[in-house]
Protein backbone atom coordinates (compact mmCIF):
# COMPACT_ATOMS: atom_id res chain seq x y z
CA MET A 1 -108.69 -92.44 0.38
CA ASN A 2 -110.41 -89.14 1.27
CA ALA A 3 -113.93 -89.71 -0.19
CA GLU A 4 -115.04 -87.20 -2.35
CA LYS A 5 -117.44 -84.64 -1.32
CA PRO A 6 -120.77 -84.01 -2.87
CA ALA A 7 -120.73 -80.70 -4.07
CA GLU A 8 -122.56 -78.10 -1.98
CA ARG A 9 -125.46 -76.57 -4.24
CA THR A 10 -124.86 -72.51 -4.02
CA ARG A 11 -128.82 -71.49 -3.57
CA SER A 12 -129.97 -68.31 -4.72
CA PRO A 13 -131.27 -65.39 -2.32
CA GLU A 14 -134.83 -65.70 -2.38
CA LYS A 15 -136.83 -62.74 -4.70
CA THR A 16 -139.10 -61.11 -2.43
CA THR A 17 -142.06 -59.41 -4.46
CA VAL A 18 -143.52 -55.65 -3.61
CA SER A 19 -146.87 -55.62 -4.75
CA PRO A 20 -147.77 -53.01 -7.59
CA GLY A 21 -150.00 -51.41 -4.87
CA ARG A 22 -147.17 -51.12 -2.04
CA ARG A 23 -144.62 -49.20 -5.14
CA LYS A 24 -146.65 -46.92 -6.03
CA PHE A 25 -147.28 -46.04 -2.43
CA LEU A 26 -143.75 -45.65 -2.22
CA SER A 27 -142.92 -43.91 -5.05
CA GLY A 28 -145.85 -41.39 -4.26
CA MET A 29 -144.69 -40.77 -1.08
CA ALA A 30 -140.75 -39.98 -1.88
CA GLY A 31 -142.27 -37.53 -4.76
CA ALA A 32 -144.48 -35.88 -2.03
CA ALA A 33 -141.42 -35.49 0.40
CA GLY A 34 -138.98 -34.40 -2.44
CA GLY A 35 -142.07 -32.24 -3.29
CA GLY A 36 -142.35 -30.21 0.16
CA CYS A 37 -138.55 -30.11 0.57
CA LEU A 38 -138.46 -27.97 -2.65
CA MET A 39 -141.74 -26.22 -1.80
CA ALA A 40 -139.76 -25.05 1.87
CA MET A 41 -136.75 -24.08 -0.11
CA GLY A 42 -138.64 -22.20 -2.14
CA VAL A 43 -140.42 -20.39 0.72
CA GLY A 44 -137.88 -20.01 2.39
CA ILE A 45 -135.73 -17.95 -0.44
CA TYR A 46 -139.29 -16.22 -1.48
CA SER A 47 -139.40 -14.83 2.42
CA ARG A 48 -135.76 -14.15 2.73
CA GLN A 49 -136.63 -12.09 -0.62
CA ALA A 50 -139.47 -10.07 0.01
CA SER A 51 -138.01 -8.95 4.03
CA ALA A 52 -135.95 -6.43 2.31
CA LEU A 53 -135.92 -4.32 -1.22
CA PRO A 54 -132.10 -3.85 -2.26
CA ALA A 55 -130.90 -0.29 -1.58
CA LEU A 56 -130.66 -0.13 -5.43
CA ALA A 57 -133.64 -1.70 -6.97
CA LEU A 58 -136.37 0.52 -7.29
CA ARG A 59 -140.02 0.02 -8.07
CA PRO A 60 -141.77 1.63 -11.50
CA PRO A 61 -143.55 4.56 -10.58
CA GLY A 62 -146.57 4.82 -8.60
CA ALA A 63 -145.81 1.68 -7.35
CA LEU A 64 -147.89 1.27 -3.25
CA PRO A 65 -145.43 1.08 -0.62
CA GLU A 66 -143.84 -2.06 -0.32
CA PRO A 67 -145.80 -4.99 1.94
CA GLU A 68 -149.20 -3.47 -0.24
CA PHE A 69 -147.63 -3.63 -3.60
CA LEU A 70 -146.06 -7.26 -3.12
CA ALA A 71 -149.72 -8.20 -1.72
CA ALA A 72 -151.26 -6.61 -5.77
CA CYS A 73 -148.71 -7.55 -7.77
CA THR A 74 -149.59 -10.72 -9.76
CA ARG A 75 -145.56 -11.09 -11.26
CA CYS A 76 -147.80 -10.80 -14.58
CA GLY A 77 -145.21 -8.58 -16.42
CA LEU A 78 -147.46 -6.02 -18.31
CA CYS A 79 -145.66 -2.99 -16.95
CA VAL A 80 -142.26 -4.45 -18.41
CA ARG A 81 -143.58 -5.31 -21.66
CA ASP A 82 -145.00 -2.01 -22.39
CA CYS A 83 -142.69 0.32 -21.10
CA PRO A 84 -141.07 2.14 -23.86
CA PRO A 85 -137.69 2.61 -23.42
CA GLY A 86 -136.89 -1.05 -21.67
CA ILE A 87 -135.64 -0.25 -18.20
CA LEU A 88 -138.10 -2.40 -16.39
CA LYS A 89 -137.10 -5.43 -15.56
CA LEU A 90 -138.69 -8.68 -13.82
CA ALA A 91 -137.06 -10.08 -11.26
CA ALA A 92 -135.38 -13.57 -11.96
CA PRO A 93 -134.76 -16.25 -8.96
CA GLY A 94 -131.37 -15.38 -6.78
CA ASN A 95 -132.09 -11.57 -7.67
CA LEU A 96 -132.97 -10.31 -3.89
CA ILE A 97 -135.77 -9.08 -4.99
CA PRO A 98 -139.14 -10.85 -4.87
CA THR A 99 -138.93 -13.16 -8.21
CA GLY A 100 -141.23 -12.01 -10.60
CA THR A 101 -141.99 -8.44 -9.72
CA PRO A 102 -140.90 -4.71 -11.85
CA TYR A 103 -138.17 -3.26 -10.92
CA PHE A 104 -135.50 -0.65 -12.18
CA THR A 105 -131.55 0.37 -11.31
CA ALA A 106 -130.96 4.06 -11.94
CA ARG A 107 -127.43 3.84 -12.66
CA THR A 108 -127.82 1.33 -15.92
CA GLY A 109 -131.46 2.33 -16.85
CA PRO A 110 -133.10 5.38 -15.08
CA CYS A 111 -137.26 6.16 -15.23
CA VAL A 112 -137.43 8.22 -18.42
CA MET A 113 -140.58 10.22 -17.16
CA CYS A 114 -142.92 9.04 -19.79
CA GLU A 115 -145.93 11.74 -19.82
CA ASN A 116 -148.47 9.06 -20.17
CA ILE A 117 -147.26 6.62 -17.94
CA PRO A 118 -147.83 3.50 -19.82
CA CYS A 119 -146.55 1.25 -16.98
CA ILE A 120 -149.35 2.41 -14.03
CA LYS A 121 -151.91 1.76 -17.61
CA ASN A 122 -151.21 -1.47 -18.01
CA CYS A 123 -151.22 -2.65 -14.52
CA PRO A 124 -154.39 -5.04 -14.00
CA THR A 125 -154.42 -5.14 -9.98
CA GLY A 126 -153.47 -1.42 -9.27
CA ALA A 127 -150.07 -2.29 -7.71
CA LEU A 128 -149.11 1.11 -9.78
CA ASP A 129 -151.32 3.56 -8.61
CA PRO A 130 -154.27 4.46 -11.47
CA LYS A 131 -154.72 7.64 -9.83
CA LEU A 132 -150.77 8.63 -10.28
CA THR A 133 -151.71 10.85 -13.43
CA ASP A 134 -149.17 13.31 -13.54
CA ILE A 135 -145.66 11.64 -13.63
CA ASN A 136 -143.97 14.68 -12.01
CA ASP A 137 -145.99 13.66 -8.69
CA ALA A 138 -144.45 10.13 -9.09
CA ARG A 139 -142.39 9.06 -5.89
CA MET A 140 -139.70 6.21 -7.41
CA GLY A 141 -137.48 7.24 -4.59
CA LEU A 142 -135.23 9.88 -3.45
CA ALA A 143 -131.87 11.54 -4.83
CA VAL A 144 -129.12 11.46 -2.27
CA LEU A 145 -125.55 13.48 -2.30
CA ILE A 146 -123.92 10.34 -0.35
CA ASP A 147 -119.91 11.19 -0.95
CA GLN A 148 -119.43 14.45 -0.68
CA GLU A 149 -115.88 14.16 -0.35
CA THR A 150 -115.42 13.10 -4.47
CA CYS A 151 -118.30 14.92 -5.71
CA ILE A 152 -116.80 17.19 -8.24
CA ALA A 153 -118.80 20.23 -6.90
CA PHE A 154 -117.47 19.96 -3.53
CA LEU A 155 -114.01 19.77 -4.75
CA GLY A 156 -114.52 23.58 -5.89
CA LEU A 157 -114.41 22.54 -9.78
CA ARG A 158 -117.43 23.21 -11.82
CA CYS A 159 -119.84 20.64 -12.76
CA GLU A 160 -123.48 20.67 -13.32
CA ALA A 161 -124.35 17.08 -14.89
CA CYS A 162 -126.92 16.13 -12.15
CA TYR A 163 -128.53 19.67 -12.12
CA ASN A 164 -128.75 19.67 -15.75
CA ILE A 165 -130.41 16.50 -16.38
CA CYS A 166 -132.84 17.38 -13.77
CA PRO A 167 -136.40 16.83 -15.67
CA VAL A 168 -138.24 18.24 -13.02
CA ALA A 169 -138.41 21.69 -13.45
CA ILE A 170 -140.48 25.02 -14.35
CA LYS A 171 -139.48 26.50 -18.37
CA THR A 172 -140.59 29.83 -19.59
CA ASP A 173 -139.80 31.40 -22.51
CA ASN A 174 -136.43 33.42 -20.75
CA ASP A 175 -135.04 30.61 -18.00
CA ILE A 176 -135.64 27.04 -16.47
CA THR A 177 -136.24 27.12 -12.49
CA HIS A 178 -135.13 23.63 -11.65
CA ARG A 179 -137.17 22.76 -8.61
CA ALA A 180 -135.88 18.91 -7.39
CA ILE A 181 -132.01 19.91 -7.55
CA SER A 182 -130.42 23.21 -7.13
CA LEU A 183 -127.15 24.68 -7.25
CA GLU A 184 -126.10 26.63 -4.07
CA LYS A 185 -123.73 28.68 -3.97
CA ARG A 186 -121.29 28.43 -1.36
CA HIS A 187 -117.47 29.93 -0.78
CA ASN A 188 -114.73 28.50 -1.61
CA PRO A 189 -112.49 27.95 1.54
CA ARG A 190 -109.22 27.03 -0.63
CA SER A 191 -110.07 30.30 -2.83
CA ASP A 192 -111.56 33.45 -2.84
CA ARG A 193 -111.81 33.88 -6.16
CA HIS A 194 -114.31 31.31 -7.14
CA ALA A 195 -117.47 30.15 -5.35
CA MET A 196 -118.66 26.18 -5.17
CA LEU A 197 -122.24 25.55 -7.09
CA LEU A 198 -123.55 22.71 -4.78
CA PRO A 199 -125.79 20.35 -5.89
CA THR A 200 -129.26 20.11 -3.41
CA VAL A 201 -131.74 18.05 -3.57
CA HIS A 202 -135.48 19.11 -2.94
CA SER A 203 -137.43 15.64 -1.16
CA GLU A 204 -141.04 17.69 -2.21
CA TYR A 205 -140.07 17.48 -5.96
CA CYS A 206 -137.77 14.54 -6.48
CA THR A 207 -139.41 11.88 -8.51
CA GLY A 208 -136.29 9.46 -8.33
CA CYS A 209 -136.22 8.75 -11.67
CA GLY A 210 -132.85 8.06 -11.42
CA LEU A 211 -131.71 10.39 -14.43
CA CYS A 212 -128.82 12.33 -12.14
CA GLU A 213 -127.41 9.02 -11.00
CA LYS A 214 -126.87 7.75 -14.29
CA ALA A 215 -125.43 11.38 -15.41
CA CYS A 216 -122.90 11.33 -12.47
CA ILE A 217 -119.52 11.71 -14.40
CA LEU A 218 -117.63 9.50 -11.96
CA LYS A 219 -116.92 6.22 -12.24
CA GLU A 220 -119.37 5.49 -8.73
CA SER A 221 -121.92 7.81 -8.93
CA ALA A 222 -121.75 10.93 -5.91
CA ILE A 223 -125.38 10.89 -5.98
CA ARG A 224 -127.78 7.78 -5.80
CA VAL A 225 -131.48 7.71 -6.05
CA LEU A 226 -132.03 5.19 -3.06
CA PRO A 227 -136.01 3.77 -2.00
CA PRO A 228 -137.61 7.12 0.01
CA LYS A 229 -138.08 4.64 3.42
CA LEU A 230 -134.14 4.32 2.95
CA ALA A 231 -132.95 8.05 1.86
CA GLN A 232 -135.68 9.82 4.40
CA GLY A 233 -135.86 10.33 7.72
CA LYS A 234 -138.70 11.10 10.20
CA GLY A 235 -138.95 13.41 12.33
CA ASP A 236 -141.04 13.37 15.64
CA GLY A 237 -143.86 15.22 15.97
CA HIS A 238 -143.21 17.55 18.70
CA TYR A 239 -140.45 19.36 16.88
CA LEU A 240 -141.72 23.03 15.92
CA LYS A 241 -140.43 24.63 12.76
CA GLY A 242 -140.09 28.10 13.75
CA TRP A 243 -140.82 29.75 10.57
CA GLU A 244 -143.88 27.45 9.57
CA GLU A 245 -145.31 28.66 13.10
CA ARG A 246 -144.34 32.19 12.34
CA GLU A 247 -146.39 31.68 9.04
CA LYS A 248 -149.16 30.00 10.43
CA HIS A 249 -149.85 32.72 13.56
CA GLY A 250 -148.29 35.95 11.98
CA ARG A 251 -145.73 36.65 14.26
CA SER A 252 -143.41 34.86 15.95
CA LEU A 253 -144.25 32.64 19.27
CA ILE A 254 -140.84 33.42 21.02
CA GLY A 255 -141.03 37.14 21.05
CA ASP A 256 -138.04 39.18 19.38
CA GLN A 257 -134.88 37.79 19.20
CA LEU A 258 -131.64 39.31 20.04
CA GLU A 259 -128.63 38.91 17.55
CA LEU A 260 -125.45 38.27 19.11
CA PRO A 261 -122.12 39.03 17.68
CA VAL A 262 -120.03 36.40 16.42
CA ARG A 263 -116.18 36.94 17.43
CA GLY A 264 -114.21 37.30 14.88
CA LEU A 265 -117.28 37.44 12.32
CA GLU A 266 -118.26 41.23 13.21
CA ASN A 267 -119.32 43.64 10.78
CA LYS A 268 -119.38 40.90 8.23
CA PRO A 269 -122.38 40.64 5.30
CA LEU A 270 -124.95 38.20 6.16
CA GLY A 271 -123.51 34.87 4.68
CA ASP A 272 -119.75 35.71 5.13
CA VAL A 273 -118.51 33.22 7.43
CA ARG A 274 -115.09 33.86 6.52
CA VAL A 275 -112.32 34.70 9.64
CA TYR A 276 -109.63 36.70 8.58
CA ASP A 277 -106.05 35.98 10.08
CA GLU A 278 -105.58 39.83 9.58
CA PRO A 279 -108.61 42.04 10.11
CA PRO A 280 -109.51 43.30 6.56
CA SER A 281 -108.46 47.40 6.20
CA ASN A 282 -112.49 47.96 6.16
CA THR A 283 -112.76 46.83 9.15
CA ASP A 284 -111.91 48.35 13.30
CA PRO A 285 -109.43 46.13 14.72
CA ALA A 286 -111.19 46.76 18.25
CA ASP A 287 -114.19 45.11 16.79
CA THR A 288 -112.66 41.78 15.72
CA HIS A 289 -112.43 41.52 19.20
CA GLY A 290 -115.45 41.88 19.99
CA SER A 291 -115.30 44.55 22.56
CA ASP A 292 -117.80 46.80 23.80
CA PRO A 293 -118.42 50.37 22.08
CA GLU A 294 -118.46 52.18 25.08
CA ASP A 295 -114.35 50.86 25.61
CA LYS A 296 -114.16 53.24 22.68
CA GLN A 297 -114.98 56.10 24.21
């Protein structure tokens, strides 16, 4: 007979005790590491936001150039609070705009051009320049006709929505002279009976309010208001504009110029660029071929 083995006693693992001081130290280190990671993520997101402002996000009137604006703006939100029509918004995290900074979008909420400019008056840091006292001198952006293929006016139909809504104009008792947007009369190549009235933006007067973009009747606006840096190029200093130099010096710097005839456009009024398959009845056929007048003798 096998003798019964005495039951083996199971030993419970020895418990290691951690001193309260060490536990507190480890908890503090873990919290610091987590906080550092969150801070690094936040700085990374913010730096990516601040690197480029989205094309359709516009700053309030009087905003300093973007780097200076971001340095001066304290994200207090007073300009947003005191915007009468409520079009200004504060950027939320993930908006691709530096968080907490004010902006507006022309298509959904354009600037209504308040004469007293309350957003500037309530800015405590000068991020919105207090020297701007006339809203017509604001340069929030620049309107650009970005799609001529869908613009109703370029299709030969009459549409003056952006022209009529533009607030930058000189009003008299008998007439209104629009300065930021004008209608340029052009010949309609599809019809000799109707002219095209094409909207043309004049950058020296455009405030970038966005009312024209909001008023565009198309589903996707053919005219957009973009930050000036994106909308406008910059000329090189070595290019001279002849008409400006002539006005400055009282004469042309290159002397008298000989106007040469253009084949097919002889005897045409200035601005008439139509080329006829058959010469008009009141035009000498010989002239349409650019022949020398001495050949007629």
